[in-house]
Amino acid sequence: MMILMSGCSAGKPEAAPPTPSPAVTAADDQPPGTLACGQAVAAVDAASLMTAGVVTAIQQAGLTADAPVADAANRLNDAYTAAVAAHGAADEPDKVAAVSAAAADMVQVCRDSGLEAVG
């Protein structure tokens, strides 16, 4: 738990939603959602969700995904943003737990879409 919580101070969330990287196009993300799912599964496996930039990269990769994966990536980003904003507050542990829950939800969406193994 200490590793996850210490990551909250690693960086502030971006004010504006990310835009697709010029290096990543819909053609690179075949089938759609592969990139976001691969990154999400890797982040969960590495327990690196609270590391600055990880969730933003997942959400950015989700911009070329179909709706279920893109929506899950956005929910994960929203939870992460709330957790970072709660740093030092009484509800920080609950907000960090919400990041884990959103990540578990995204992994399940990827699994249901058949993208967990592909990514």
N, C-alpha and C. Protein backbone atom coordinates (compact mmCIF):
# COMPACT_ATOMS: atom_id res chain seq x y z
N MET A 1 0.83 -1.19 0.00
CA MET A 1 0.00 0.00 0.00
C MET A 1 0.87 1.25 0.00
N MET A 2 1.99 1.21 0.66
CA MET A 2 2.86 2.37 0.72
C MET A 2 3.40 2.73 -0.66
N ILE A 3 3.70 1.75 -1.48
CA ILE A 3 4.22 2.02 -2.81
C ILE A 3 3.16 2.73 -3.65
N LEU A 4 1.93 2.26 -3.57
CA LEU A 4 0.86 2.90 -4.33
C LEU A 4 0.64 4.32 -3.87
N MET A 5 0.60 4.53 -2.58
CA MET A 5 0.30 5.85 -2.07
C MET A 5 1.45 6.82 -2.31
N SER A 6 2.68 6.34 -2.26
CA SER A 6 3.79 7.24 -2.51
C SER A 6 3.78 7.73 -3.95
N GLY A 7 3.19 6.95 -4.85
CA GLY A 7 3.09 7.36 -6.24
C GLY A 7 2.19 8.56 -6.45
N CYS A 8 1.30 8.84 -5.50
CA CYS A 8 0.41 9.98 -5.64
C CYS A 8 1.17 11.28 -5.72
N SER A 9 2.31 11.36 -5.07
CA SER A 9 3.06 12.61 -5.07
C SER A 9 4.00 12.69 -6.27
N ALA A 10 4.02 11.66 -7.09
CA ALA A 10 4.97 11.60 -8.20
C ALA A 10 4.66 12.60 -9.30
N GLY A 11 3.43 13.05 -9.39
CA GLY A 11 3.12 14.01 -10.44
C GLY A 11 1.68 14.42 -10.38
N LYS A 12 1.39 15.53 -11.00
CA LYS A 12 0.03 16.04 -11.03
C LYS A 12 -0.63 15.58 -12.32
N PRO A 13 -1.96 15.37 -12.29
CA PRO A 13 -2.64 14.99 -13.51
C PRO A 13 -2.65 16.14 -14.50
N GLU A 14 -2.77 15.80 -15.75
CA GLU A 14 -2.83 16.82 -16.79
C GLU A 14 -4.17 17.54 -16.71
N ALA A 15 -4.18 18.84 -16.97
CA ALA A 15 -5.41 19.62 -16.91
C ALA A 15 -6.32 19.30 -18.09
N ALA A 16 -5.76 19.10 -19.25
CA ALA A 16 -6.55 18.82 -20.44
C ALA A 16 -6.44 17.35 -20.79
N PRO A 17 -7.50 16.79 -21.40
CA PRO A 17 -7.41 15.40 -21.80
C PRO A 17 -6.31 15.22 -22.83
N PRO A 18 -5.68 14.07 -22.83
CA PRO A 18 -4.60 13.85 -23.78
C PRO A 18 -5.11 13.78 -25.20
N THR A 19 -4.26 14.12 -26.12
CA THR A 19 -4.58 13.98 -27.54
C THR A 19 -3.77 12.81 -28.07
N PRO A 20 -4.25 12.17 -29.11
CA PRO A 20 -3.52 11.01 -29.62
C PRO A 20 -2.10 11.39 -30.01
N SER A 21 -1.19 10.52 -29.68
CA SER A 21 0.21 10.72 -30.07
C SER A 21 0.31 10.56 -31.57
N PRO A 22 1.09 11.41 -32.23
CA PRO A 22 1.22 11.27 -33.68
C PRO A 22 1.83 9.91 -34.06
N ALA A 23 2.54 9.30 -33.13
CA ALA A 23 3.17 8.01 -33.42
C ALA A 23 2.18 6.86 -33.33
N VAL A 24 1.02 7.08 -32.70
CA VAL A 24 0.02 6.02 -32.54
C VAL A 24 -1.22 6.40 -33.33
N THR A 25 -1.59 5.55 -34.26
CA THR A 25 -2.78 5.79 -35.06
C THR A 25 -3.73 4.60 -34.90
N ALA A 26 -4.92 4.78 -35.40
CA ALA A 26 -5.89 3.69 -35.36
C ALA A 26 -5.36 2.46 -36.11
N ALA A 27 -4.54 2.69 -37.13
CA ALA A 27 -3.97 1.58 -37.88
C ALA A 27 -3.00 0.77 -37.02
N ASP A 28 -2.34 1.44 -36.06
CA ASP A 28 -1.41 0.76 -35.16
C ASP A 28 -2.15 -0.07 -34.11
N ASP A 29 -3.38 0.30 -33.84
CA ASP A 29 -4.15 -0.31 -32.76
C ASP A 29 -5.15 -1.31 -33.34
N GLN A 30 -4.63 -2.44 -33.79
CA GLN A 30 -5.48 -3.45 -34.41
C GLN A 30 -5.39 -4.77 -33.67
N PRO A 31 -6.47 -5.33 -33.24
CA PRO A 31 -7.80 -4.73 -33.26
C PRO A 31 -7.88 -3.55 -32.30
N PRO A 32 -8.85 -2.64 -32.52
CA PRO A 32 -8.97 -1.45 -31.67
C PRO A 32 -9.05 -1.82 -30.19
N GLY A 33 -8.23 -1.17 -29.40
CA GLY A 33 -8.18 -1.42 -27.96
C GLY A 33 -7.00 -2.26 -27.53
N THR A 34 -6.30 -2.84 -28.50
CA THR A 34 -5.15 -3.70 -28.18
C THR A 34 -4.10 -2.94 -27.38
N LEU A 35 -3.77 -1.74 -27.81
CA LEU A 35 -2.72 -0.97 -27.14
C LEU A 35 -3.12 -0.61 -25.71
N ALA A 36 -4.33 -0.09 -25.54
CA ALA A 36 -4.79 0.31 -24.20
C ALA A 36 -4.88 -0.90 -23.28
N CYS A 37 -5.41 -1.99 -23.78
CA CYS A 37 -5.52 -3.20 -22.95
C CYS A 37 -4.16 -3.75 -22.58
N GLY A 38 -3.26 -3.76 -23.53
CA GLY A 38 -1.91 -4.24 -23.24
C GLY A 38 -1.25 -3.41 -22.16
N GLN A 39 -1.39 -2.10 -22.26
CA GLN A 39 -0.80 -1.22 -21.25
C GLN A 39 -1.49 -1.37 -19.90
N ALA A 40 -2.80 -1.49 -19.90
CA ALA A 40 -3.53 -1.64 -18.64
C ALA A 40 -3.16 -2.93 -17.93
N VAL A 41 -3.14 -4.03 -18.66
CA VAL A 41 -2.78 -5.32 -18.07
C VAL A 41 -1.35 -5.27 -17.54
N ALA A 42 -0.43 -4.69 -18.31
CA ALA A 42 0.96 -4.58 -17.86
C ALA A 42 1.07 -3.73 -16.60
N ALA A 43 0.32 -2.62 -16.54
CA ALA A 43 0.37 -1.75 -15.36
C ALA A 43 -0.19 -2.44 -14.13
N VAL A 44 -1.26 -3.20 -14.30
CA VAL A 44 -1.83 -3.95 -13.17
C VAL A 44 -0.83 -5.00 -12.71
N ASP A 45 -0.26 -5.74 -13.65
CA ASP A 45 0.72 -6.77 -13.31
C ASP A 45 1.93 -6.19 -12.60
N ALA A 46 2.36 -4.99 -13.00
CA ALA A 46 3.54 -4.36 -12.42
C ALA A 46 3.20 -3.50 -11.20
N ALA A 47 1.92 -3.40 -10.86
CA ALA A 47 1.46 -2.55 -9.75
C ALA A 47 1.97 -1.12 -9.91
N SER A 48 1.87 -0.60 -11.13
CA SER A 48 2.42 0.73 -11.41
C SER A 48 1.36 1.77 -11.74
N LEU A 49 0.11 1.50 -11.42
CA LEU A 49 -0.96 2.42 -11.79
C LEU A 49 -0.79 3.81 -11.20
N MET A 50 -0.24 3.90 -10.00
CA MET A 50 -0.09 5.21 -9.36
C MET A 50 1.22 5.90 -9.73
N THR A 51 1.94 5.36 -10.67
CA THR A 51 3.15 5.99 -11.16
C THR A 51 2.75 7.06 -12.17
N ALA A 52 3.28 8.25 -11.99
CA ALA A 52 2.92 9.37 -12.88
C ALA A 52 3.11 8.97 -14.34
N GLY A 53 2.11 9.27 -15.16
CA GLY A 53 2.18 9.04 -16.59
C GLY A 53 1.61 7.72 -17.06
N VAL A 54 1.50 6.74 -16.18
CA VAL A 54 1.04 5.41 -16.59
C VAL A 54 -0.43 5.45 -17.01
N VAL A 55 -1.28 6.00 -16.18
CA VAL A 55 -2.72 6.04 -16.51
C VAL A 55 -2.97 6.97 -17.69
N THR A 56 -2.26 8.06 -17.76
CA THR A 56 -2.41 8.97 -18.91
C THR A 56 -2.06 8.25 -20.21
N ALA A 57 -1.01 7.44 -20.18
CA ALA A 57 -0.64 6.68 -21.38
C ALA A 57 -1.71 5.67 -21.75
N ILE A 58 -2.32 5.04 -20.75
CA ILE A 58 -3.41 4.09 -21.01
C ILE A 58 -4.59 4.82 -21.64
N GLN A 59 -4.95 5.97 -21.07
CA GLN A 59 -6.07 6.72 -21.63
C GLN A 59 -5.74 7.19 -23.05
N GLN A 60 -4.54 7.65 -23.28
CA GLN A 60 -4.15 8.09 -24.62
C GLN A 60 -4.24 6.94 -25.61
N ALA A 61 -3.78 5.77 -25.20
CA ALA A 61 -3.89 4.59 -26.08
C ALA A 61 -5.34 4.23 -26.32
N GLY A 62 -6.20 4.52 -25.34
CA GLY A 62 -7.63 4.23 -25.48
C GLY A 62 -8.35 5.13 -26.46
N LEU A 63 -7.70 6.21 -26.88
CA LEU A 63 -8.36 7.12 -27.81
C LEU A 63 -8.61 6.49 -29.18
N THR A 64 -7.88 5.44 -29.51
CA THR A 64 -8.10 4.76 -30.79
C THR A 64 -8.92 3.47 -30.60
N ALA A 65 -9.36 3.22 -29.37
CA ALA A 65 -10.10 2.00 -29.05
C ALA A 65 -11.59 2.18 -29.31
N ASP A 66 -12.29 1.06 -29.38
CA ASP A 66 -13.75 1.09 -29.45
C ASP A 66 -14.31 1.52 -28.10
N ALA A 67 -15.59 1.86 -28.09
CA ALA A 67 -16.23 2.46 -26.93
C ALA A 67 -16.02 1.73 -25.60
N PRO A 68 -16.22 0.43 -25.50
CA PRO A 68 -16.08 -0.18 -24.17
C PRO A 68 -14.68 0.01 -23.57
N VAL A 69 -13.66 -0.15 -24.37
CA VAL A 69 -12.29 0.00 -23.87
C VAL A 69 -11.99 1.47 -23.63
N ALA A 70 -12.38 2.33 -24.55
CA ALA A 70 -12.15 3.77 -24.39
C ALA A 70 -12.85 4.29 -23.14
N ASP A 71 -14.08 3.86 -22.92
CA ASP A 71 -14.83 4.29 -21.73
C ASP A 71 -14.15 3.80 -20.46
N ALA A 72 -13.67 2.57 -20.46
CA ALA A 72 -12.98 2.04 -19.28
C ALA A 72 -11.69 2.81 -19.03
N ALA A 73 -10.97 3.17 -20.09
CA ALA A 73 -9.75 3.96 -19.94
C ALA A 73 -10.05 5.34 -19.37
N ASN A 74 -11.16 5.93 -19.79
CA ASN A 74 -11.56 7.23 -19.24
C ASN A 74 -11.95 7.13 -17.78
N ARG A 75 -12.65 6.07 -17.41
CA ARG A 75 -13.01 5.88 -15.99
C ARG A 75 -11.76 5.69 -15.14
N LEU A 76 -10.80 4.95 -15.66
CA LEU A 76 -9.54 4.76 -14.95
C LEU A 76 -8.83 6.10 -14.76
N ASN A 77 -8.78 6.91 -15.81
CA ASN A 77 -8.15 8.22 -15.72
C ASN A 77 -8.87 9.12 -14.72
N ASP A 78 -10.19 9.09 -14.73
CA ASP A 78 -10.97 9.90 -13.77
C ASP A 78 -10.64 9.49 -12.34
N ALA A 79 -10.57 8.19 -12.09
CA ALA A 79 -10.26 7.70 -10.75
C ALA A 79 -8.85 8.10 -10.34
N TYR A 80 -7.91 7.99 -11.27
CA TYR A 80 -6.52 8.38 -10.98
C TYR A 80 -6.43 9.88 -10.66
N THR A 81 -7.10 10.70 -11.47
CA THR A 81 -7.09 12.14 -11.25
C THR A 81 -7.65 12.48 -9.87
N ALA A 82 -8.72 11.81 -9.48
CA ALA A 82 -9.30 12.04 -8.15
C ALA A 82 -8.35 11.60 -7.05
N ALA A 83 -7.65 10.51 -7.26
CA ALA A 83 -6.69 10.02 -6.25
C ALA A 83 -5.53 10.98 -6.08
N VAL A 84 -5.02 11.50 -7.17
CA VAL A 84 -3.92 12.46 -7.08
C VAL A 84 -4.39 13.73 -6.38
N ALA A 85 -5.59 14.18 -6.70
CA ALA A 85 -6.14 15.38 -6.07
C ALA A 85 -6.35 15.19 -4.58
N ALA A 86 -6.58 13.95 -4.15
CA ALA A 86 -6.84 13.65 -2.74
C ALA A 86 -5.56 13.42 -1.94
N HIS A 87 -4.40 13.60 -2.54
CA HIS A 87 -3.13 13.34 -1.84
C HIS A 87 -3.09 14.09 -0.51
N GLY A 88 -2.88 13.36 0.56
CA GLY A 88 -2.79 13.94 1.89
C GLY A 88 -4.12 14.15 2.57
N ALA A 89 -5.21 13.92 1.87
CA ALA A 89 -6.54 14.09 2.45
C ALA A 89 -7.00 12.80 3.10
N ALA A 90 -8.00 12.92 3.94
CA ALA A 90 -8.52 11.76 4.66
C ALA A 90 -9.07 10.69 3.72
N ASP A 91 -9.59 11.10 2.57
CA ASP A 91 -10.18 10.12 1.65
C ASP A 91 -9.20 9.58 0.61
N GLU A 92 -7.91 9.91 0.76
CA GLU A 92 -6.91 9.42 -0.20
C GLU A 92 -6.92 7.90 -0.34
N PRO A 93 -6.94 7.12 0.77
CA PRO A 93 -6.95 5.66 0.60
C PRO A 93 -8.15 5.16 -0.21
N ASP A 94 -9.31 5.78 0.00
CA ASP A 94 -10.49 5.37 -0.77
C ASP A 94 -10.33 5.72 -2.24
N LYS A 95 -9.74 6.86 -2.52
CA LYS A 95 -9.53 7.28 -3.92
C LYS A 95 -8.51 6.38 -4.61
N VAL A 96 -7.46 5.98 -3.89
CA VAL A 96 -6.48 5.06 -4.46
C VAL A 96 -7.12 3.70 -4.70
N ALA A 97 -7.97 3.27 -3.78
CA ALA A 97 -8.69 2.00 -3.97
C ALA A 97 -9.60 2.08 -5.19
N ALA A 98 -10.16 3.25 -5.45
CA ALA A 98 -11.02 3.42 -6.62
C ALA A 98 -10.21 3.26 -7.92
N VAL A 99 -8.94 3.63 -7.89
CA VAL A 99 -8.07 3.42 -9.06
C VAL A 99 -7.91 1.92 -9.30
N SER A 100 -7.68 1.18 -8.24
CA SER A 100 -7.56 -0.28 -8.37
C SER A 100 -8.84 -0.88 -8.91
N ALA A 101 -9.98 -0.41 -8.42
CA ALA A 101 -11.27 -0.92 -8.88
C ALA A 101 -11.49 -0.59 -10.36
N ALA A 102 -11.15 0.63 -10.75
CA ALA A 102 -11.31 1.02 -12.16
C ALA A 102 -10.37 0.22 -13.06
N ALA A 103 -9.18 -0.06 -12.57
CA ALA A 103 -8.25 -0.88 -13.34
C ALA A 103 -8.76 -2.31 -13.48
N ALA A 104 -9.30 -2.86 -12.40
CA ALA A 104 -9.86 -4.21 -12.47
C ALA A 104 -11.02 -4.25 -13.46
N ASP A 105 -11.83 -3.19 -13.45
CA ASP A 105 -12.94 -3.10 -14.40
C ASP A 105 -12.41 -3.05 -15.84
N MET A 106 -11.36 -2.27 -16.06
CA MET A 106 -10.81 -2.17 -17.41
C MET A 106 -10.24 -3.50 -17.87
N VAL A 107 -9.53 -4.19 -17.00
CA VAL A 107 -8.99 -5.50 -17.35
C VAL A 107 -10.12 -6.46 -17.70
N GLN A 108 -11.23 -6.38 -16.96
CA GLN A 108 -12.38 -7.24 -17.26
C GLN A 108 -12.98 -6.89 -18.61
N VAL A 109 -13.08 -5.59 -18.91
CA VAL A 109 -13.58 -5.16 -20.24
C VAL A 109 -12.67 -5.71 -21.33
N CYS A 110 -11.37 -5.62 -21.11
CA CYS A 110 -10.41 -6.16 -22.08
C CYS A 110 -10.58 -7.66 -22.24
N ARG A 111 -10.75 -8.34 -21.11
CA ARG A 111 -10.95 -9.79 -21.14
C ARG A 111 -12.23 -10.13 -21.90
N ASP A 112 -13.31 -9.40 -21.60
CA ASP A 112 -14.60 -9.65 -22.27
C ASP A 112 -14.53 -9.37 -23.77
N SER A 113 -13.67 -8.42 -24.14
CA SER A 113 -13.51 -8.05 -25.54
C SER A 113 -12.52 -8.94 -26.27
N GLY A 114 -11.88 -9.84 -25.53
CA GLY A 114 -10.88 -10.72 -26.13
C GLY A 114 -9.54 -10.04 -26.34
N LEU A 115 -9.33 -8.90 -25.70
CA LEU A 115 -8.11 -8.13 -25.92
C LEU A 115 -7.07 -8.30 -24.83
N GLU A 116 -7.40 -8.97 -23.75
CA GLU A 116 -6.42 -9.15 -22.67
C GLU A 116 -5.23 -9.95 -23.17
N ALA A 117 -5.49 -11.02 -23.87
CA ALA A 117 -4.42 -11.88 -24.36
C ALA A 117 -3.72 -11.27 -25.59
N VAL A 118 -4.49 -10.54 -26.40
CA VAL A 118 -3.93 -9.94 -27.61
C VAL A 118 -2.96 -8.84 -27.24
N GLY A 119 -3.36 -8.00 -26.25
CA GLY A 119 -2.53 -6.86 -25.87
C GLY A 119 -1.33 -7.30 -25.11
